[in-house]
């Protein structure tokens, strides 16, 4: 009979005056040793799993820090580029140059799309 979803069976309570007490004690001791060995194996598995999780967390943290650094560098580069584009747009003749730049980017993306589509 299982109670509370625990995988153990309750012990039968026998009167202390019965003659089967030493044999019962030895069987309980053997059962305890078996349960202790199973518990030791489960603890070892949990320890191994915990170590693996810790290693994975450290690896993922290293990757995220690298991505964060890359994003910071990209953000700085993009900010500088946008500053230059805005400065170029404010100068005389900037509208024509912006149109040429837009057309150039459009043609490059079109060529890339066609290349990837018909590859």
N, C-alpha and C. Protein backbone atom coordinates (compact mmCIF):
# COMPACT_ATOMS: atom_id res chain seq x y z
N UNK A 1 0.84 -1.16 0.00
CA UNK A 1 0.00 0.00 0.00
C UNK A 1 0.90 1.24 0.00
N UNK A 2 0.70 2.16 -0.91
CA UNK A 2 1.50 3.38 -1.00
C UNK A 2 0.76 4.52 -0.34
N UNK A 3 1.51 5.28 0.42
CA UNK A 3 0.94 6.47 1.04
C UNK A 3 1.81 7.66 0.66
N UNK A 4 1.18 8.75 0.32
CA UNK A 4 1.87 10.01 0.03
C UNK A 4 2.87 9.89 -1.13
N UNK A 5 2.65 8.95 -2.03
CA UNK A 5 3.50 8.74 -3.21
C UNK A 5 4.94 8.38 -2.86
N UNK A 6 5.21 7.88 -1.68
CA UNK A 6 6.54 7.42 -1.31
C UNK A 6 6.66 5.96 -1.70
N UNK A 7 7.79 5.53 -2.24
CA UNK A 7 7.89 4.15 -2.74
C UNK A 7 8.23 3.12 -1.66
N UNK A 8 7.95 3.37 -0.42
CA UNK A 8 8.25 2.40 0.62
C UNK A 8 6.96 1.77 1.12
N UNK A 9 7.11 0.63 1.70
CA UNK A 9 5.99 -0.08 2.30
C UNK A 9 6.10 0.05 3.82
N UNK A 10 5.04 0.34 4.50
CA UNK A 10 5.13 0.40 5.97
C UNK A 10 5.43 -0.98 6.55
N UNK A 11 6.16 -0.98 7.65
CA UNK A 11 6.53 -2.24 8.29
C UNK A 11 5.34 -2.79 9.06
N UNK A 12 5.27 -4.11 9.06
CA UNK A 12 4.24 -4.76 9.88
C UNK A 12 4.69 -4.70 11.33
N UNK A 13 3.82 -4.30 12.18
CA UNK A 13 4.14 -4.22 13.61
C UNK A 13 3.83 -5.57 14.24
N UNK A 14 4.89 -6.22 14.73
CA UNK A 14 4.72 -7.50 15.40
C UNK A 14 4.94 -7.31 16.89
N UNK A 15 4.31 -8.10 17.67
CA UNK A 15 4.56 -8.01 19.11
C UNK A 15 6.02 -8.32 19.41
N UNK A 16 6.59 -7.64 20.42
CA UNK A 16 8.02 -7.80 20.72
C UNK A 16 8.33 -9.17 21.32
N UNK A 17 7.36 -9.91 21.75
CA UNK A 17 7.60 -11.21 22.37
C UNK A 17 7.71 -12.34 21.37
N UNK A 18 7.56 -12.11 20.07
CA UNK A 18 7.58 -13.21 19.09
C UNK A 18 9.00 -13.71 18.89
N UNK A 19 9.14 -14.93 18.42
CA UNK A 19 10.45 -15.54 18.24
C UNK A 19 11.13 -15.13 16.95
N UNK A 20 10.49 -14.41 16.06
CA UNK A 20 11.08 -14.05 14.78
C UNK A 20 11.82 -12.72 14.83
N UNK A 21 12.05 -12.17 15.99
CA UNK A 21 12.68 -10.85 16.10
C UNK A 21 14.11 -10.81 15.56
N UNK A 22 15.02 -11.76 15.86
CA UNK A 22 16.39 -11.67 15.32
C UNK A 22 16.40 -11.78 13.80
N UNK A 23 15.61 -12.66 13.23
CA UNK A 23 15.58 -12.79 11.77
C UNK A 23 14.99 -11.53 11.15
N UNK A 24 13.98 -10.98 11.80
CA UNK A 24 13.37 -9.75 11.31
C UNK A 24 14.36 -8.60 11.38
N UNK A 25 15.15 -8.57 12.46
CA UNK A 25 16.15 -7.51 12.62
C UNK A 25 17.21 -7.61 11.52
N UNK A 26 17.66 -8.82 11.22
CA UNK A 26 18.66 -9.01 10.16
C UNK A 26 18.10 -8.62 8.79
N UNK A 27 16.86 -8.96 8.54
CA UNK A 27 16.27 -8.58 7.25
C UNK A 27 16.10 -7.07 7.15
N UNK A 28 15.72 -6.43 8.26
CA UNK A 28 15.62 -4.96 8.26
C UNK A 28 16.98 -4.32 8.05
N UNK A 29 18.02 -4.89 8.66
CA UNK A 29 19.37 -4.35 8.50
C UNK A 29 19.82 -4.48 7.03
N UNK A 30 19.54 -5.62 6.43
CA UNK A 30 19.89 -5.82 5.02
C UNK A 30 19.11 -4.86 4.13
N UNK A 31 17.86 -4.66 4.45
CA UNK A 31 17.03 -3.74 3.68
C UNK A 31 17.54 -2.30 3.82
N UNK A 32 17.96 -1.94 5.03
CA UNK A 32 18.54 -0.61 5.25
C UNK A 32 19.83 -0.42 4.47
N UNK A 33 20.67 -1.45 4.45
CA UNK A 33 21.93 -1.38 3.69
C UNK A 33 21.64 -1.21 2.20
N UNK A 34 20.66 -1.94 1.69
CA UNK A 34 20.28 -1.82 0.28
C UNK A 34 19.75 -0.43 -0.03
N UNK A 35 18.91 0.09 0.86
CA UNK A 35 18.36 1.43 0.65
C UNK A 35 19.47 2.49 0.74
N UNK A 36 20.43 2.29 1.65
CA UNK A 36 21.54 3.25 1.77
C UNK A 36 22.40 3.22 0.51
N UNK A 37 22.62 2.05 -0.06
CA UNK A 37 23.42 1.95 -1.29
C UNK A 37 22.70 2.61 -2.46
N UNK A 38 21.39 2.40 -2.56
CA UNK A 38 20.62 3.06 -3.62
C UNK A 38 20.66 4.58 -3.46
N UNK A 39 20.56 5.03 -2.21
CA UNK A 39 20.61 6.46 -1.94
C UNK A 39 21.97 7.04 -2.30
N UNK A 40 23.03 6.28 -2.02
CA UNK A 40 24.38 6.71 -2.37
C UNK A 40 24.53 6.86 -3.87
N UNK A 41 23.98 5.92 -4.64
CA UNK A 41 24.05 6.00 -6.09
C UNK A 41 23.27 7.20 -6.61
N UNK A 42 22.11 7.45 -6.05
CA UNK A 42 21.30 8.58 -6.48
C UNK A 42 21.98 9.90 -6.15
N UNK A 43 22.61 9.97 -4.99
CA UNK A 43 23.34 11.19 -4.61
C UNK A 43 24.50 11.42 -5.56
N UNK A 44 25.20 10.35 -5.94
CA UNK A 44 26.30 10.48 -6.90
C UNK A 44 25.81 10.98 -8.25
N UNK A 45 24.67 10.47 -8.69
CA UNK A 45 24.11 10.92 -9.97
C UNK A 45 23.70 12.39 -9.89
N UNK A 46 23.09 12.78 -8.77
CA UNK A 46 22.70 14.19 -8.61
C UNK A 46 23.91 15.10 -8.55
N UNK A 47 24.98 14.65 -7.90
CA UNK A 47 26.21 15.44 -7.83
C UNK A 47 26.79 15.63 -9.22
N UNK A 48 26.84 14.57 -9.99
CA UNK A 48 27.34 14.65 -11.36
C UNK A 48 26.49 15.59 -12.20
N UNK A 49 25.18 15.49 -12.06
CA UNK A 49 24.27 16.36 -12.80
C UNK A 49 24.45 17.81 -12.40
N UNK A 50 24.64 18.06 -11.11
CA UNK A 50 24.84 19.42 -10.63
C UNK A 50 26.13 20.01 -11.17
N UNK A 51 27.18 19.22 -11.21
CA UNK A 51 28.46 19.68 -11.78
C UNK A 51 28.30 20.01 -13.25
N UNK A 52 27.60 19.14 -13.99
CA UNK A 52 27.37 19.39 -15.41
C UNK A 52 26.55 20.67 -15.63
N UNK A 53 25.54 20.89 -14.80
CA UNK A 53 24.73 22.11 -14.92
C UNK A 53 25.60 23.33 -14.65
N UNK A 54 26.44 23.26 -13.63
CA UNK A 54 27.33 24.38 -13.31
C UNK A 54 28.28 24.69 -14.47
N UNK A 55 28.84 23.65 -15.09
CA UNK A 55 29.72 23.86 -16.24
C UNK A 55 28.97 24.49 -17.40
N UNK A 56 27.75 24.04 -17.63
CA UNK A 56 26.95 24.60 -18.73
C UNK A 56 26.60 26.06 -18.46
N UNK A 57 26.28 26.39 -17.22
CA UNK A 57 25.96 27.77 -16.87
C UNK A 57 27.18 28.67 -17.10
N UNK A 58 28.35 28.20 -16.68
CA UNK A 58 29.57 29.01 -16.90
C UNK A 58 29.83 29.20 -18.39
N UNK A 59 29.64 28.15 -19.19
CA UNK A 59 29.86 28.25 -20.63
C UNK A 59 28.86 29.23 -21.27
N UNK A 60 27.59 29.12 -20.89
CA UNK A 60 26.57 30.01 -21.44
C UNK A 60 26.83 31.46 -21.01
N UNK A 61 27.29 31.66 -19.78
CA UNK A 61 27.61 33.00 -19.30
C UNK A 61 28.75 33.60 -20.12
N UNK A 62 29.75 32.78 -20.43
CA UNK A 62 30.87 33.24 -21.25
C UNK A 62 30.38 33.64 -22.64
N UNK A 63 29.51 32.83 -23.23
CA UNK A 63 28.96 33.16 -24.55
C UNK A 63 28.15 34.45 -24.52
N UNK A 64 27.33 34.61 -23.49
CA UNK A 64 26.50 35.82 -23.39
C UNK A 64 27.35 37.06 -23.19
N UNK A 65 28.42 36.94 -22.42
CA UNK A 65 29.32 38.09 -22.24
C UNK A 65 29.97 38.46 -23.57
N UNK A 66 30.36 37.44 -24.36
CA UNK A 66 30.94 37.71 -25.67
C UNK A 66 29.95 38.39 -26.61
N UNK A 67 28.71 37.93 -26.58
CA UNK A 67 27.67 38.55 -27.41
C UNK A 67 27.43 39.99 -26.97
N UNK A 68 27.43 40.21 -25.65
CA UNK A 68 27.23 41.56 -25.13
C UNK A 68 28.34 42.50 -25.59
N UNK A 69 29.57 42.02 -25.54
CA UNK A 69 30.70 42.83 -26.02
C UNK A 69 30.58 43.13 -27.51
N UNK A 70 30.20 42.11 -28.29
CA UNK A 70 30.03 42.31 -29.74
C UNK A 70 28.92 43.32 -30.03
N UNK A 71 27.83 43.24 -29.28
CA UNK A 71 26.73 44.18 -29.49
C UNK A 71 27.14 45.61 -29.13
N UNK A 72 27.92 45.76 -28.07
CA UNK A 72 28.42 47.09 -27.71
C UNK A 72 29.28 47.68 -28.82
N UNK A 73 30.17 46.85 -29.37
CA UNK A 73 31.03 47.32 -30.46
C UNK A 73 30.20 47.66 -31.69
N UNK A 74 29.23 46.82 -32.01
CA UNK A 74 28.38 47.07 -33.18
C UNK A 74 27.55 48.33 -32.98
N UNK A 75 27.05 48.52 -31.77
CA UNK A 75 26.26 49.72 -31.48
C UNK A 75 27.10 50.98 -31.67
N UNK A 76 28.33 50.94 -31.20
CA UNK A 76 29.22 52.09 -31.39
C UNK A 76 29.51 52.35 -32.85
N UNK A 77 29.77 51.28 -33.59
CA UNK A 77 30.05 51.41 -35.02
C UNK A 77 28.84 51.95 -35.77
N UNK A 78 27.65 51.43 -35.43
CA UNK A 78 26.43 51.89 -36.09
C UNK A 78 26.13 53.35 -35.74
N UNK A 79 26.38 53.73 -34.49
CA UNK A 79 26.17 55.12 -34.08
C UNK A 79 27.08 56.07 -34.86
N UNK A 80 28.34 55.69 -35.01
CA UNK A 80 29.28 56.51 -35.80
C UNK A 80 28.84 56.61 -37.25
N UNK A 81 28.38 55.50 -37.80
CA UNK A 81 27.94 55.50 -39.20
C UNK A 81 26.72 56.39 -39.38
N UNK A 82 25.77 56.31 -38.46
CA UNK A 82 24.58 57.14 -38.58
C UNK A 82 24.93 58.63 -38.45
N UNK A 83 25.88 58.94 -37.60
CA UNK A 83 26.33 60.33 -37.47
C UNK A 83 26.90 60.83 -38.78
N UNK A 84 27.68 59.99 -39.43
CA UNK A 84 28.27 60.38 -40.72
C UNK A 84 27.20 60.55 -41.80
N UNK A 85 26.22 59.64 -41.80
CA UNK A 85 25.15 59.72 -42.80
C UNK A 85 24.34 61.00 -42.60
N UNK A 86 24.03 61.32 -41.35
CA UNK A 86 23.26 62.54 -41.08
C UNK A 86 24.06 63.79 -41.44
N UNK A 87 25.35 63.76 -41.17
CA UNK A 87 26.20 64.89 -41.54
C UNK A 87 26.25 65.04 -43.06
N UNK A 88 26.31 63.90 -43.76
CA UNK A 88 26.33 63.92 -45.22
C UNK A 88 25.02 64.47 -45.77
N UNK A 89 23.89 64.10 -45.13
CA UNK A 89 22.59 64.57 -45.59
C UNK A 89 22.43 66.08 -45.39
N UNK A 90 23.07 66.62 -44.36
CA UNK A 90 22.96 68.05 -44.10
C UNK A 90 23.80 68.89 -45.06
N UNK A 91 24.83 68.29 -45.61
CA UNK A 91 25.69 69.03 -46.54
C UNK A 91 24.95 69.23 -47.87
N UNK A 92 25.43 70.17 -48.66
CA UNK A 92 24.82 70.41 -49.97
C UNK A 92 25.00 69.22 -50.89
N UNK A 93 23.98 68.89 -51.63
CA UNK A 93 24.05 67.76 -52.55
C UNK A 93 23.87 66.42 -51.84
N UNK A 94 23.51 66.45 -50.59
CA UNK A 94 23.37 65.22 -49.81
C UNK A 94 22.19 64.39 -50.25
N UNK A 95 21.14 65.01 -50.76
CA UNK A 95 19.95 64.26 -51.17
C UNK A 95 20.29 63.33 -52.34
N UNK A 96 21.08 63.82 -53.27
CA UNK A 96 21.43 62.99 -54.43
C UNK A 96 22.32 61.83 -53.97
N UNK A 97 23.27 62.12 -53.09
CA UNK A 97 24.15 61.06 -52.60
C UNK A 97 23.37 60.03 -51.80
N UNK A 98 22.41 60.47 -51.01
CA UNK A 98 21.57 59.54 -50.25
C UNK A 98 20.75 58.65 -51.19
N UNK A 99 20.26 59.22 -52.28
CA UNK A 99 19.51 58.45 -53.27
C UNK A 99 20.41 57.39 -53.90
N UNK A 100 21.64 57.76 -54.26
CA UNK A 100 22.58 56.80 -54.83
C UNK A 100 22.91 55.69 -53.83
N UNK A 101 23.09 56.08 -52.58
CA UNK A 101 23.40 55.08 -51.56
C UNK A 101 22.22 54.13 -51.37
N UNK A 102 21.02 54.65 -51.34
CA UNK A 102 19.83 53.81 -51.20
C UNK A 102 19.70 52.84 -52.36
N UNK A 103 19.90 53.35 -53.58
CA UNK A 103 19.82 52.49 -54.76
C UNK A 103 20.91 51.41 -54.73
N UNK A 104 22.11 51.78 -54.30
CA UNK A 104 23.20 50.81 -54.20
C UNK A 104 22.85 49.69 -53.22
N UNK A 105 22.34 50.06 -52.05
CA UNK A 105 21.95 49.06 -51.05
C UNK A 105 20.83 48.18 -51.59
N UNK A 106 19.87 48.77 -52.26
CA UNK A 106 18.77 48.02 -52.84
C UNK A 106 19.26 47.02 -53.88
N UNK A 107 20.17 47.43 -54.73
CA UNK A 107 20.72 46.53 -55.76
C UNK A 107 21.51 45.40 -55.11
N UNK A 108 22.30 45.71 -54.08
CA UNK A 108 23.06 44.66 -53.40
C UNK A 108 22.12 43.63 -52.78
N UNK A 109 21.09 44.08 -52.09
CA UNK A 109 20.13 43.13 -51.50
C UNK A 109 19.39 42.34 -52.57
N UNK A 110 19.07 42.95 -53.69
CA UNK A 110 18.41 42.24 -54.77
C UNK A 110 19.31 41.16 -55.34
N UNK A 111 20.58 41.47 -55.53
CA UNK A 111 21.53 40.48 -56.05
C UNK A 111 21.69 39.33 -55.05
N UNK A 112 21.79 39.65 -53.77
CA UNK A 112 21.90 38.60 -52.76
C UNK A 112 20.65 37.73 -52.72
N UNK A 113 19.48 38.34 -52.82
CA UNK A 113 18.23 37.59 -52.79
C UNK A 113 18.14 36.66 -54.00
N UNK A 114 18.48 37.17 -55.18
CA UNK A 114 18.44 36.33 -56.38
C UNK A 114 19.44 35.19 -56.31
N UNK A 115 20.62 35.49 -55.78
CA UNK A 115 21.64 34.46 -55.65
C UNK A 115 21.19 33.36 -54.71
N UNK A 116 20.62 33.71 -53.60
CA UNK A 116 20.16 32.73 -52.65
C UNK A 116 18.92 31.97 -53.13
N UNK A 117 18.07 32.64 -53.87
CA UNK A 117 16.85 32.01 -54.35
C UNK A 117 17.15 30.96 -55.42
N UNK A 118 18.05 31.25 -56.32
CA UNK A 118 18.32 30.35 -57.44
C UNK A 118 19.58 29.53 -57.23
N UNK A 119 20.03 29.40 -56.05
CA UNK A 119 21.24 28.64 -55.75
C UNK A 119 21.00 27.17 -55.88
